[in-house]
Amino acid sequence: MSTSTEKEMWVTKLRKGWQKNLPVDKLLPDTQPAYVASWIYLFGVATLASLGLIIATGLWLSFEGASWYHGSNVGHFVNSLHFWSVQFFFIFMVVHLWGKFWMAAWRGRRMLTWITGALAFVGSIATAFTGYLVQSNFDSQWISYEAKDGFNSVGIGSRFTVTNFGQMLLLHVAFLPVIIGVITLIHVLLVRAKGVVPPIDAFNKELGERK
């Protein structure tokens, strides 16, 4: 029988910490502050929507294979949809990143939220790069051999072989997406826990009221 003097299990601490920092009303809020109606707050959700489309079309392309998305009309369409969803993903993410930078989105103990967003951006660049290498066409061949020379020039070509199709395919469809997915999930949970960052004038007003 357990006593009050015994140490709590790690799952108990995890559950209590979750309930304290991220209760259900924060995880699934049904209201938002009025300032969230501003257009600058839309780009985070637009980035997530683009990411969802990237994952869906990427899975489709992976299951069907290169001969399908290079040789059929539907394959061309899905391939193009995957390509353009990536372009919009980066457009939305860059606007979101710069918008939050000029809003000083790390205010109110949101530094970890900012860091995870920046890490997701860097990881997305690496994932997009490996995507260009697995197109299975002359374009990907040219890019891979040009990149090989670049990596060899800085001494990391022996550990990161961009001409290895199997290695690049693994990085693009499994390893990097899982990492980005985990970082994105943490980022969204942090936004829920800390709340959406207010505009600077609203934040200063809130600080003044607290004083």
N, C-alpha and C. Protein backbone atom coordinates (compact mmCIF):
# COMPACT_ATOMS: atom_id res chain seq x y z
N MET A 1 0.85 -1.20 0.00
CA MET A 1 0.00 0.00 0.00
C MET A 1 0.89 1.25 0.00
N SER A 2 0.53 2.18 -0.86
CA SER A 2 1.34 3.39 -0.98
C SER A 2 1.04 4.35 0.15
N THR A 3 2.03 5.15 0.52
CA THR A 3 1.88 6.17 1.55
C THR A 3 2.20 7.52 0.96
N SER A 4 1.87 8.56 1.70
CA SER A 4 2.09 9.92 1.21
C SER A 4 3.56 10.26 1.14
N THR A 5 4.39 9.48 1.87
CA THR A 5 5.83 9.77 1.86
C THR A 5 6.54 9.16 0.67
N GLU A 6 5.88 8.23 -0.03
CA GLU A 6 6.50 7.61 -1.19
C GLU A 6 6.55 8.59 -2.35
N LYS A 7 7.55 8.43 -3.20
CA LYS A 7 7.69 9.29 -4.36
C LYS A 7 6.64 8.94 -5.41
N GLU A 8 6.14 9.95 -6.08
CA GLU A 8 5.17 9.72 -7.13
C GLU A 8 5.84 9.12 -8.36
N MET A 9 5.09 8.29 -9.07
CA MET A 9 5.61 7.73 -10.31
C MET A 9 5.72 8.83 -11.35
N TRP A 10 6.58 8.60 -12.36
CA TRP A 10 6.79 9.63 -13.38
C TRP A 10 5.52 9.88 -14.20
N VAL A 11 4.69 8.83 -14.36
CA VAL A 11 3.44 9.04 -15.11
C VAL A 11 2.49 9.93 -14.33
N THR A 12 2.52 9.82 -12.99
CA THR A 12 1.68 10.68 -12.15
C THR A 12 2.13 12.13 -12.26
N LYS A 13 3.44 12.34 -12.22
CA LYS A 13 3.96 13.70 -12.36
C LYS A 13 3.64 14.26 -13.74
N LEU A 14 3.75 13.40 -14.77
CA LEU A 14 3.45 13.86 -16.12
C LEU A 14 1.98 14.25 -16.25
N ARG A 15 1.08 13.44 -15.69
CA ARG A 15 -0.35 13.73 -15.76
C ARG A 15 -0.69 15.03 -15.02
N LYS A 16 -0.13 15.19 -13.83
CA LYS A 16 -0.42 16.40 -13.05
C LYS A 16 0.15 17.64 -13.73
N GLY A 17 1.36 17.49 -14.31
CA GLY A 17 1.94 18.63 -15.03
C GLY A 17 1.14 19.00 -16.25
N TRP A 18 0.63 17.98 -16.96
CA TRP A 18 -0.20 18.24 -18.13
C TRP A 18 -1.49 18.94 -17.74
N GLN A 19 -2.14 18.45 -16.67
CA GLN A 19 -3.40 19.04 -16.23
C GLN A 19 -3.20 20.47 -15.73
N LYS A 20 -2.03 20.75 -15.18
CA LYS A 20 -1.76 22.09 -14.66
C LYS A 20 -1.46 23.07 -15.78
N ASN A 21 -0.61 22.66 -16.72
CA ASN A 21 -0.15 23.58 -17.77
C ASN A 21 -1.03 23.59 -19.02
N LEU A 22 -1.74 22.49 -19.27
CA LEU A 22 -2.53 22.42 -20.49
C LEU A 22 -3.86 21.72 -20.22
N PRO A 23 -4.75 22.36 -19.47
CA PRO A 23 -6.06 21.77 -19.24
C PRO A 23 -6.88 21.73 -20.52
N VAL A 24 -8.02 21.05 -20.49
CA VAL A 24 -8.82 20.85 -21.69
C VAL A 24 -9.29 22.18 -22.28
N ASP A 25 -9.65 23.14 -21.43
CA ASP A 25 -10.14 24.42 -21.96
C ASP A 25 -9.08 25.19 -22.71
N LYS A 26 -7.78 24.93 -22.42
CA LYS A 26 -6.70 25.53 -23.19
C LYS A 26 -6.38 24.71 -24.43
N LEU A 27 -6.44 23.39 -24.29
CA LEU A 27 -6.12 22.53 -25.42
C LEU A 27 -7.15 22.67 -26.54
N LEU A 28 -8.42 22.78 -26.18
CA LEU A 28 -9.50 22.90 -27.15
C LEU A 28 -10.37 24.11 -26.81
N PRO A 29 -9.84 25.33 -26.99
CA PRO A 29 -10.61 26.52 -26.63
C PRO A 29 -11.75 26.78 -27.62
N ASP A 30 -12.85 27.30 -27.12
CA ASP A 30 -13.97 27.65 -28.01
C ASP A 30 -14.09 29.15 -28.22
N THR A 31 -13.19 29.93 -27.63
CA THR A 31 -13.15 31.38 -27.84
C THR A 31 -11.70 31.81 -28.00
N GLN A 32 -11.51 32.93 -28.66
CA GLN A 32 -10.18 33.51 -28.86
C GLN A 32 -10.26 35.01 -28.61
N PRO A 33 -9.15 35.65 -28.22
CA PRO A 33 -9.14 37.11 -28.04
C PRO A 33 -9.50 37.82 -29.34
N ALA A 34 -9.99 39.03 -29.21
CA ALA A 34 -10.45 39.78 -30.39
C ALA A 34 -9.32 40.05 -31.37
N TYR A 35 -8.10 40.23 -30.88
CA TYR A 35 -6.99 40.56 -31.78
C TYR A 35 -6.60 39.41 -32.70
N VAL A 36 -7.06 38.19 -32.41
CA VAL A 36 -6.76 37.05 -33.28
C VAL A 36 -7.46 37.20 -34.63
N ALA A 37 -8.44 38.08 -34.73
CA ALA A 37 -9.13 38.31 -36.01
C ALA A 37 -8.24 39.00 -37.03
N SER A 38 -7.08 39.52 -36.61
CA SER A 38 -6.16 40.15 -37.54
C SER A 38 -5.60 39.13 -38.53
N TRP A 39 -5.32 39.57 -39.76
CA TRP A 39 -4.86 38.67 -40.83
C TRP A 39 -3.53 38.02 -40.50
N ILE A 40 -2.68 38.67 -39.70
CA ILE A 40 -1.35 38.12 -39.43
C ILE A 40 -1.42 36.81 -38.66
N TYR A 41 -2.53 36.59 -37.95
CA TYR A 41 -2.67 35.36 -37.18
C TYR A 41 -3.14 34.19 -38.04
N LEU A 42 -3.47 34.45 -39.30
CA LEU A 42 -3.97 33.37 -40.15
C LEU A 42 -2.86 32.51 -40.74
N PHE A 43 -1.65 33.03 -40.80
CA PHE A 43 -0.60 32.33 -41.54
C PHE A 43 -0.08 31.09 -40.80
N GLY A 44 -0.21 31.05 -39.49
CA GLY A 44 0.16 29.84 -38.77
C GLY A 44 -0.75 28.68 -39.14
N VAL A 45 -2.06 28.94 -39.15
CA VAL A 45 -3.03 27.91 -39.53
C VAL A 45 -2.87 27.54 -41.00
N ALA A 46 -2.61 28.54 -41.85
CA ALA A 46 -2.40 28.26 -43.28
C ALA A 46 -1.17 27.37 -43.49
N THR A 47 -0.14 27.56 -42.68
CA THR A 47 1.05 26.71 -42.76
C THR A 47 0.71 25.28 -42.37
N LEU A 48 -0.07 25.10 -41.32
CA LEU A 48 -0.48 23.77 -40.90
C LEU A 48 -1.36 23.09 -41.96
N ALA A 49 -2.25 23.86 -42.59
CA ALA A 49 -3.10 23.30 -43.64
C ALA A 49 -2.26 22.84 -44.83
N SER A 50 -1.27 23.64 -45.19
CA SER A 50 -0.38 23.26 -46.29
C SER A 50 0.41 22.01 -45.93
N LEU A 51 0.85 21.93 -44.67
CA LEU A 51 1.59 20.75 -44.22
C LEU A 51 0.73 19.49 -44.32
N GLY A 52 -0.54 19.61 -43.95
CA GLY A 52 -1.44 18.47 -44.08
C GLY A 52 -1.59 18.01 -45.52
N LEU A 53 -1.68 18.97 -46.44
CA LEU A 53 -1.79 18.63 -47.86
C LEU A 53 -0.49 18.01 -48.37
N ILE A 54 0.64 18.49 -47.90
CA ILE A 54 1.93 17.91 -48.28
C ILE A 54 2.01 16.45 -47.85
N ILE A 55 1.62 16.18 -46.62
CA ILE A 55 1.68 14.81 -46.11
C ILE A 55 0.75 13.89 -46.90
N ALA A 56 -0.48 14.35 -47.16
CA ALA A 56 -1.45 13.53 -47.88
C ALA A 56 -0.98 13.19 -49.29
N THR A 57 -0.55 14.21 -50.03
CA THR A 57 -0.08 13.98 -51.40
C THR A 57 1.24 13.22 -51.42
N GLY A 58 2.09 13.45 -50.43
CA GLY A 58 3.35 12.73 -50.36
C GLY A 58 3.15 11.24 -50.12
N LEU A 59 2.21 10.90 -49.26
CA LEU A 59 1.90 9.48 -49.03
C LEU A 59 1.37 8.84 -50.31
N TRP A 60 0.53 9.57 -51.03
CA TRP A 60 -0.03 9.05 -52.28
C TRP A 60 1.08 8.78 -53.29
N LEU A 61 1.99 9.74 -53.43
CA LEU A 61 3.11 9.57 -54.35
C LEU A 61 4.00 8.40 -53.95
N SER A 62 4.21 8.24 -52.65
CA SER A 62 5.08 7.15 -52.17
C SER A 62 4.47 5.79 -52.46
N PHE A 63 3.17 5.66 -52.28
CA PHE A 63 2.51 4.38 -52.52
C PHE A 63 2.48 4.02 -54.01
N GLU A 64 2.28 5.01 -54.86
CA GLU A 64 2.13 4.73 -56.30
C GLU A 64 3.47 4.57 -57.00
N GLY A 65 4.47 5.33 -56.60
CA GLY A 65 5.79 5.19 -57.19
C GLY A 65 6.09 6.16 -58.31
N ALA A 66 7.36 6.21 -58.70
CA ALA A 66 7.83 7.20 -59.67
C ALA A 66 7.22 6.99 -61.04
N SER A 67 7.04 5.74 -61.48
CA SER A 67 6.49 5.49 -62.81
C SER A 67 5.07 6.02 -62.92
N TRP A 68 4.36 6.07 -61.80
CA TRP A 68 2.97 6.58 -61.81
C TRP A 68 2.94 8.09 -61.90
N TYR A 69 3.71 8.78 -61.03
CA TYR A 69 3.61 10.25 -61.04
C TYR A 69 4.42 10.89 -62.16
N HIS A 70 5.18 10.09 -62.92
CA HIS A 70 5.84 10.61 -64.12
C HIS A 70 5.09 10.23 -65.40
N GLY A 71 4.23 9.20 -65.33
CA GLY A 71 3.65 8.67 -66.55
C GLY A 71 2.16 8.68 -66.68
N SER A 72 1.42 9.19 -65.68
CA SER A 72 -0.04 9.22 -65.78
C SER A 72 -0.55 10.63 -65.49
N ASN A 73 -1.73 10.94 -66.01
CA ASN A 73 -2.31 12.27 -65.82
C ASN A 73 -2.63 12.53 -64.35
N VAL A 74 -3.22 11.53 -63.69
CA VAL A 74 -3.52 11.69 -62.26
C VAL A 74 -2.23 11.85 -61.47
N GLY A 75 -1.21 11.08 -61.82
CA GLY A 75 0.08 11.20 -61.16
C GLY A 75 0.70 12.57 -61.33
N HIS A 76 0.59 13.11 -62.54
CA HIS A 76 1.09 14.47 -62.77
C HIS A 76 0.35 15.49 -61.90
N PHE A 77 -0.96 15.30 -61.77
CA PHE A 77 -1.76 16.23 -60.97
C PHE A 77 -1.37 16.16 -59.50
N VAL A 78 -1.26 14.94 -58.96
CA VAL A 78 -0.90 14.78 -57.54
C VAL A 78 0.52 15.29 -57.30
N ASN A 79 1.41 15.02 -58.24
CA ASN A 79 2.79 15.51 -58.12
C ASN A 79 2.82 17.03 -58.10
N SER A 80 2.05 17.65 -58.98
CA SER A 80 1.97 19.11 -59.02
C SER A 80 1.33 19.66 -57.75
N LEU A 81 0.32 18.96 -57.26
CA LEU A 81 -0.34 19.39 -56.02
C LEU A 81 0.63 19.33 -54.85
N HIS A 82 1.46 18.29 -54.82
CA HIS A 82 2.47 18.17 -53.78
C HIS A 82 3.49 19.30 -53.89
N PHE A 83 3.92 19.58 -55.11
CA PHE A 83 4.91 20.63 -55.34
C PHE A 83 4.39 22.00 -54.91
N TRP A 84 3.18 22.35 -55.34
CA TRP A 84 2.65 23.67 -55.03
C TRP A 84 2.25 23.82 -53.57
N SER A 85 1.85 22.73 -52.94
CA SER A 85 1.56 22.81 -51.51
C SER A 85 2.84 23.10 -50.72
N VAL A 86 3.97 22.59 -51.21
CA VAL A 86 5.26 22.91 -50.58
C VAL A 86 5.59 24.38 -50.76
N GLN A 87 5.35 24.91 -51.97
CA GLN A 87 5.64 26.33 -52.20
C GLN A 87 4.80 27.23 -51.29
N PHE A 88 3.51 26.94 -51.19
CA PHE A 88 2.65 27.74 -50.32
C PHE A 88 3.00 27.53 -48.85
N PHE A 89 3.43 26.31 -48.51
CA PHE A 89 3.86 26.04 -47.14
C PHE A 89 4.98 26.98 -46.74
N PHE A 90 5.98 27.14 -47.60
CA PHE A 90 7.10 28.01 -47.27
C PHE A 90 6.71 29.48 -47.30
N ILE A 91 5.84 29.85 -48.23
CA ILE A 91 5.36 31.24 -48.25
C ILE A 91 4.65 31.58 -46.95
N PHE A 92 3.71 30.74 -46.55
CA PHE A 92 2.96 30.97 -45.33
C PHE A 92 3.87 30.93 -44.10
N MET A 93 4.83 30.00 -44.09
CA MET A 93 5.71 29.88 -42.94
C MET A 93 6.62 31.09 -42.81
N VAL A 94 7.15 31.58 -43.92
CA VAL A 94 8.04 32.75 -43.86
C VAL A 94 7.27 33.98 -43.40
N VAL A 95 6.06 34.19 -43.92
CA VAL A 95 5.25 35.32 -43.46
C VAL A 95 4.93 35.17 -41.98
N HIS A 96 4.58 33.95 -41.56
CA HIS A 96 4.30 33.69 -40.15
C HIS A 96 5.52 33.96 -39.30
N LEU A 97 6.69 33.52 -39.76
CA LEU A 97 7.93 33.72 -39.02
C LEU A 97 8.28 35.19 -38.87
N TRP A 98 8.21 35.92 -39.98
CA TRP A 98 8.54 37.34 -39.92
C TRP A 98 7.48 38.13 -39.15
N GLY A 99 6.23 37.74 -39.30
CA GLY A 99 5.18 38.41 -38.54
C GLY A 99 5.39 38.27 -37.05
N LYS A 100 5.72 37.07 -36.61
CA LYS A 100 5.96 36.84 -35.19
C LYS A 100 7.26 37.48 -34.72
N PHE A 101 8.23 37.60 -35.63
CA PHE A 101 9.47 38.28 -35.26
C PHE A 101 9.21 39.75 -34.94
N TRP A 102 8.48 40.43 -35.82
CA TRP A 102 8.21 41.85 -35.59
C TRP A 102 7.21 42.08 -34.48
N MET A 103 6.47 41.02 -34.12
CA MET A 103 5.56 41.11 -32.96
C MET A 103 6.28 40.73 -31.66
N ALA A 104 7.56 40.35 -31.77
CA ALA A 104 8.33 39.88 -30.60
C ALA A 104 7.56 38.77 -29.89
N ALA A 105 7.31 37.69 -30.64
CA ALA A 105 6.44 36.63 -30.17
C ALA A 105 7.01 35.82 -29.02
N TRP A 106 8.24 36.09 -28.61
CA TRP A 106 8.83 35.40 -27.47
C TRP A 106 8.44 36.05 -26.15
N ARG A 107 7.66 37.12 -26.21
CA ARG A 107 7.22 37.77 -24.97
C ARG A 107 6.32 36.84 -24.15
N GLY A 108 6.26 37.10 -22.85
CA GLY A 108 5.39 36.33 -21.98
C GLY A 108 5.83 34.89 -21.81
N ARG A 109 7.14 34.68 -21.71
CA ARG A 109 7.71 33.33 -21.51
C ARG A 109 7.35 32.39 -22.65
N ARG A 110 7.42 32.92 -23.87
CA ARG A 110 7.13 32.12 -25.07
C ARG A 110 8.39 31.81 -25.87
N MET A 111 9.55 31.88 -25.23
CA MET A 111 10.80 31.66 -25.95
C MET A 111 10.84 30.26 -26.57
N LEU A 112 10.39 29.24 -25.83
CA LEU A 112 10.42 27.88 -26.35
C LEU A 112 9.49 27.73 -27.55
N THR A 113 8.38 28.46 -27.53
CA THR A 113 7.48 28.45 -28.68
C THR A 113 8.18 29.00 -29.92
N TRP A 114 8.91 30.08 -29.75
CA TRP A 114 9.65 30.68 -30.85
C TRP A 114 10.75 29.74 -31.34
N ILE A 115 11.46 29.11 -30.43
CA ILE A 115 12.57 28.22 -30.80
C ILE A 115 12.05 27.02 -31.60
N THR A 116 10.96 26.40 -31.15
CA THR A 116 10.43 25.24 -31.87
C THR A 116 9.93 25.63 -33.26
N GLY A 117 9.37 26.83 -33.39
CA GLY A 117 8.96 27.29 -34.72
C GLY A 117 10.14 27.48 -35.64
N ALA A 118 11.24 28.04 -35.11
CA ALA A 118 12.44 28.23 -35.92
C ALA A 118 13.06 26.89 -36.30
N LEU A 119 13.06 25.93 -35.39
CA LEU A 119 13.59 24.60 -35.69
C LEU A 119 12.75 23.90 -36.77
N ALA A 120 11.45 24.08 -36.71
CA ALA A 120 10.58 23.50 -37.73
C ALA A 120 10.89 24.09 -39.10
N PHE A 121 11.19 25.38 -39.14
CA PHE A 121 11.53 26.04 -40.41
C PHE A 121 12.83 25.48 -40.98
N VAL A 122 13.85 25.33 -40.14
CA VAL A 122 15.14 24.79 -40.60
C VAL A 122 14.97 23.35 -41.07
N GLY A 123 14.23 22.55 -40.29
CA GLY A 123 14.00 21.17 -40.68
C GLY A 123 13.23 21.04 -41.97
N SER A 124 12.32 21.98 -42.21
CA SER A 124 11.53 21.95 -43.45
C SER A 124 12.41 22.22 -44.67
N ILE A 125 13.41 23.06 -44.52
CA ILE A 125 14.33 23.32 -45.62
C ILE A 125 15.08 22.04 -46.00
N ALA A 126 15.57 21.31 -44.98
CA ALA A 126 16.27 20.05 -45.24
C ALA A 126 15.34 19.03 -45.89
N THR A 127 14.10 18.97 -45.45
CA THR A 127 13.15 18.02 -46.03
C THR A 127 12.85 18.37 -47.48
N ALA A 128 12.67 19.66 -47.76
CA ALA A 128 12.40 20.08 -49.14
C ALA A 128 13.60 19.77 -50.04
N PHE A 129 14.79 19.96 -49.51
CA PHE A 129 15.99 19.66 -50.29
C PHE A 129 16.05 18.19 -50.68
N THR A 130 15.82 17.29 -49.72
CA THR A 130 15.82 15.87 -50.04
C THR A 130 14.69 15.50 -50.99
N GLY A 131 13.60 16.28 -50.96
CA GLY A 131 12.51 16.03 -51.91
C GLY A 131 12.93 16.26 -53.35
N TYR A 132 13.75 17.28 -53.58
CA TYR A 132 14.26 17.52 -54.93
C TYR A 132 15.17 16.40 -55.39
N LEU A 133 15.79 15.69 -54.45
CA LEU A 133 16.73 14.63 -54.79
C LEU A 133 16.07 13.29 -55.11
N VAL A 134 14.78 13.14 -54.80
CA VAL A 134 14.11 11.85 -55.01
C VAL A 134 13.03 11.93 -56.08
N GLN A 135 13.14 12.91 -56.97
CA GLN A 135 12.13 13.04 -58.03
C GLN A 135 12.26 11.94 -59.09
N SER A 136 13.40 11.29 -59.14
CA SER A 136 13.66 10.23 -60.13
C SER A 136 13.62 10.76 -61.56
N ASN A 137 14.27 11.87 -61.80
CA ASN A 137 14.38 12.43 -63.15
C ASN A 137 15.74 13.12 -63.29
N PHE A 138 15.97 13.70 -64.46
CA PHE A 138 17.25 14.35 -64.71
C PHE A 138 17.46 15.54 -63.77
N ASP A 139 16.39 16.24 -63.43
CA ASP A 139 16.50 17.38 -62.53
C ASP A 139 17.08 16.96 -61.19
N SER A 140 16.56 15.88 -60.61
CA SER A 140 17.07 15.42 -59.32
C SER A 140 18.50 14.91 -59.43
N GLN A 141 18.84 14.30 -60.57
CA GLN A 141 20.21 13.82 -60.77
C GLN A 141 21.18 14.98 -60.82
N TRP A 142 20.82 16.02 -61.54
CA TRP A 142 21.69 17.19 -61.65
C TRP A 142 21.86 17.87 -60.28
N ILE A 143 20.76 18.04 -59.56
CA ILE A 143 20.82 18.68 -58.24
C ILE A 143 21.68 17.86 -57.28
N SER A 144 21.52 16.53 -57.29
CA SER A 144 22.25 15.69 -56.35
C SER A 144 23.76 15.76 -56.60
N TYR A 145 24.18 15.77 -57.86
CA TYR A 145 25.62 15.79 -58.13
C TYR A 145 26.23 17.17 -57.90
N GLU A 146 25.44 18.20 -58.12
CA GLU A 146 25.93 19.54 -57.76
C GLU A 146 26.04 19.68 -56.25
N ALA A 147 25.04 19.16 -55.53
CA ALA A 147 25.07 19.21 -54.07
C ALA A 147 26.20 18.37 -53.51
N LYS A 148 26.48 17.23 -54.17
CA LYS A 148 27.59 16.36 -53.73
C LYS A 148 28.90 17.13 -53.72
N ASP A 149 29.15 17.88 -54.78
CA ASP A 149 30.39 18.66 -54.84
C ASP A 149 30.43 19.70 -53.72
N GLY A 150 29.29 20.29 -53.44
CA GLY A 150 29.24 21.28 -52.37
C GLY A 150 29.52 20.68 -51.01
N PHE A 151 28.90 19.54 -50.73
CA PHE A 151 29.13 18.88 -49.44
C PHE A 151 30.55 18.35 -49.32
N ASN A 152 31.09 17.85 -50.42
CA ASN A 152 32.48 17.37 -50.39
C ASN A 152 33.46 18.50 -50.12
N SER A 153 33.13 19.69 -50.60
CA SER A 153 34.04 20.82 -50.43
C SER A 153 34.15 21.26 -48.97
N VAL A 154 33.14 20.94 -48.15
CA VAL A 154 33.20 21.31 -46.74
C VAL A 154 33.48 20.10 -45.85
N GLY A 155 33.78 18.95 -46.47
CA GLY A 155 34.25 17.80 -45.72
C GLY A 155 33.20 16.91 -45.07
N ILE A 156 31.93 17.00 -45.52
CA ILE A 156 30.91 16.15 -44.90
C ILE A 156 30.30 15.18 -45.92
N GLY A 157 30.89 15.10 -47.09
CA GLY A 157 30.34 14.22 -48.12
C GLY A 157 30.41 12.75 -47.78
N SER A 158 31.37 12.36 -46.94
CA SER A 158 31.48 10.94 -46.59
C SER A 158 30.39 10.49 -45.63
N ARG A 159 29.78 11.41 -44.93
CA ARG A 159 28.74 11.06 -43.96
C ARG A 159 27.34 11.37 -44.48
N PHE A 160 27.24 12.26 -45.44
CA PHE A 160 25.93 12.66 -45.98
C PHE A 160 26.02 12.55 -47.49
N THR A 161 25.62 11.41 -48.03
CA THR A 161 25.79 11.12 -49.44
C THR A 161 24.50 11.43 -50.20
N VAL A 162 24.46 12.58 -50.84
CA VAL A 162 23.22 13.01 -51.50
C VAL A 162 22.94 12.23 -52.78
N THR A 163 23.92 11.50 -53.29
CA THR A 163 23.69 10.68 -54.49
C THR A 163 23.15 9.30 -54.15
N ASN A 164 23.02 8.99 -52.87
CA ASN A 164 22.45 7.72 -52.43
C ASN A 164 20.93 7.86 -52.39
N PHE A 165 20.24 7.34 -53.40
CA PHE A 165 18.80 7.52 -53.51
C PHE A 165 18.05 6.93 -52.32
N GLY A 166 18.45 5.73 -51.90
CA GLY A 166 17.78 5.10 -50.78
C GLY A 166 17.89 5.91 -49.50
N GLN A 167 19.07 6.47 -49.26
CA GLN A 167 19.30 7.29 -48.08
C GLN A 167 18.45 8.56 -48.12
N MET A 168 18.42 9.21 -49.27
CA MET A 168 17.64 10.44 -49.40
C MET A 168 16.13 10.17 -49.31
N LEU A 169 15.69 9.03 -49.86
CA LEU A 169 14.28 8.69 -49.79
C LEU A 169 13.87 8.44 -48.34
N LEU A 170 14.72 7.75 -47.58
CA LEU A 170 14.44 7.51 -46.17
C LEU A 170 14.35 8.82 -45.41
N LEU A 171 15.28 9.73 -45.66
CA LEU A 171 15.26 11.02 -44.98
C LEU A 171 14.02 11.82 -45.34
N HIS A 172 13.62 11.76 -46.62
CA HIS A 172 12.52 12.61 -47.07
C HIS A 172 11.15 12.12 -46.64
N VAL A 173 10.93 10.82 -46.67
CA VAL A 173 9.57 10.31 -46.42
C VAL A 173 9.39 9.77 -45.01
N ALA A 174 10.46 9.61 -44.24
CA ALA A 174 10.31 9.01 -42.91
C ALA A 174 11.01 9.83 -41.83
N PHE A 175 12.33 9.91 -41.89
CA PHE A 175 13.09 10.46 -40.77
C PHE A 175 12.79 11.94 -40.52
N LEU A 176 12.98 12.77 -41.53
CA LEU A 176 12.77 14.21 -41.36
C LEU A 176 11.30 14.57 -41.12
N PRO A 177 10.33 13.96 -41.84
CA PRO A 177 8.93 14.29 -41.55
C PRO A 177 8.51 13.96 -40.11
N VAL A 178 9.03 12.85 -39.56
CA VAL A 178 8.70 12.50 -38.18
C VAL A 178 9.24 13.56 -37.23
N ILE A 179 10.48 14.00 -37.47
CA ILE A 179 11.07 15.03 -36.61
C ILE A 179 10.28 16.33 -36.69
N ILE A 180 9.96 16.74 -37.92
CA ILE A 180 9.19 17.97 -38.10
C ILE A 180 7.81 17.84 -37.48
N GLY A 181 7.20 16.67 -37.62
CA GLY A 181 5.88 16.45 -37.03
C GLY A 181 5.90 16.58 -35.52
N VAL A 182 6.93 16.02 -34.88
CA VAL A 182 7.05 16.11 -33.43
C VAL A 182 7.28 17.56 -33.00
N ILE A 183 8.18 18.25 -33.70
CA ILE A 183 8.46 19.66 -33.37
C ILE A 183 7.21 20.51 -33.56
N THR A 184 6.48 20.27 -34.64
CA THR A 184 5.26 21.03 -34.90
C THR A 184 4.21 20.77 -33.83
N LEU A 185 4.07 19.51 -33.41
CA LEU A 185 3.12 19.18 -32.35
C LEU A 185 3.48 19.90 -31.06
N ILE A 186 4.77 19.89 -30.70
CA ILE A 186 5.21 20.60 -29.50
C ILE A 186 4.93 22.09 -29.63
N HIS A 187 5.20 22.63 -30.83
CA HIS A 187 4.96 24.06 -31.07
C HIS A 187 3.49 24.43 -30.87
N VAL A 188 2.60 23.63 -31.43
CA VAL A 188 1.17 23.90 -31.31
C VAL A 188 0.71 23.77 -29.86
N LEU A 189 1.20 22.74 -29.15
CA LEU A 189 0.84 22.57 -27.75
C LEU A 189 1.34 23.73 -26.89
N LEU A 190 2.52 24.25 -27.22
CA LEU A 190 3.03 25.42 -26.50
C LEU A 190 2.17 26.65 -26.76
N VAL A 191 1.71 26.80 -27.99
CA VAL A 191 0.82 27.92 -28.31
C VAL A 191 -0.46 27.80 -27.50
N ARG A 192 -0.99 26.56 -27.39
CA ARG A 192 -2.19 26.35 -26.59
C ARG A 192 -1.93 26.62 -25.11
N ALA A 193 -0.78 26.20 -24.62
CA ALA A 193 -0.49 26.35 -23.20
C ALA A 193 -0.24 27.81 -22.82
N LYS A 194 0.54 28.53 -23.65
CA LYS A 194 0.88 29.91 -23.34
C LYS A 194 -0.13 30.92 -23.90
N GLY A 195 -0.97 30.46 -24.83
CA GLY A 195 -1.90 31.37 -25.48
C GLY A 195 -1.28 32.06 -26.68
N VAL A 196 -2.13 32.58 -27.55
CA VAL A 196 -1.65 33.31 -28.73
C VAL A 196 -1.04 34.62 -28.27
N VAL A 197 0.15 34.93 -28.80
CA VAL A 197 0.83 36.15 -28.37
C VAL A 197 0.02 37.38 -28.76
N PRO A 198 -0.20 38.30 -27.83
CA PRO A 198 -0.97 39.52 -28.15
C PRO A 198 -0.10 40.54 -28.87
N PRO A 199 -0.72 41.51 -29.54
CA PRO A 199 0.07 42.62 -30.11
C PRO A 199 0.84 43.34 -29.02
N ILE A 200 1.89 44.03 -29.40
CA ILE A 200 2.77 44.67 -28.42
C ILE A 200 2.01 45.69 -27.57
N ASP A 201 1.14 46.48 -28.19
CA ASP A 201 0.41 47.48 -27.42
C ASP A 201 -0.54 46.84 -26.41
N ALA A 202 -1.19 45.74 -26.81
CA ALA A 202 -2.08 45.03 -25.89
C ALA A 202 -1.28 44.39 -24.76
N PHE A 203 -0.10 43.89 -25.08
CA PHE A 203 0.74 43.26 -24.06
C PHE A 203 1.23 44.29 -23.04
N ASN A 204 1.64 45.46 -23.52
CA ASN A 204 2.09 46.52 -22.62
C ASN A 204 0.95 47.02 -21.74
N LYS A 205 -0.25 47.10 -22.33
CA LYS A 205 -1.41 47.52 -21.55
C LYS A 205 -1.72 46.52 -20.45
N GLU A 206 -1.60 45.24 -20.77
CA GLU A 206 -1.85 44.20 -19.77
C GLU A 206 -0.83 44.27 -18.65
N LEU A 207 0.44 44.51 -18.99
CA LEU A 207 1.46 44.65 -17.96
C LEU A 207 1.19 45.84 -17.06
N GLY A 208 0.72 46.96 -17.67
CA GLY A 208 0.41 48.14 -16.89
C GLY A 208 -0.74 47.90 -15.93
N GLU A 209 -1.75 47.15 -16.37
CA GLU A 209 -2.88 46.84 -15.50
C GLU A 209 -2.45 45.95 -14.34
N ARG A 210 -1.50 45.04 -14.59
CA ARG A 210 -1.02 44.17 -13.51
C ARG A 210 -0.29 44.96 -12.45
N LYS A 211 0.46 45.97 -12.90
CA LYS A 211 1.19 46.81 -11.92
C LYS A 211 0.22 47.63 -11.07
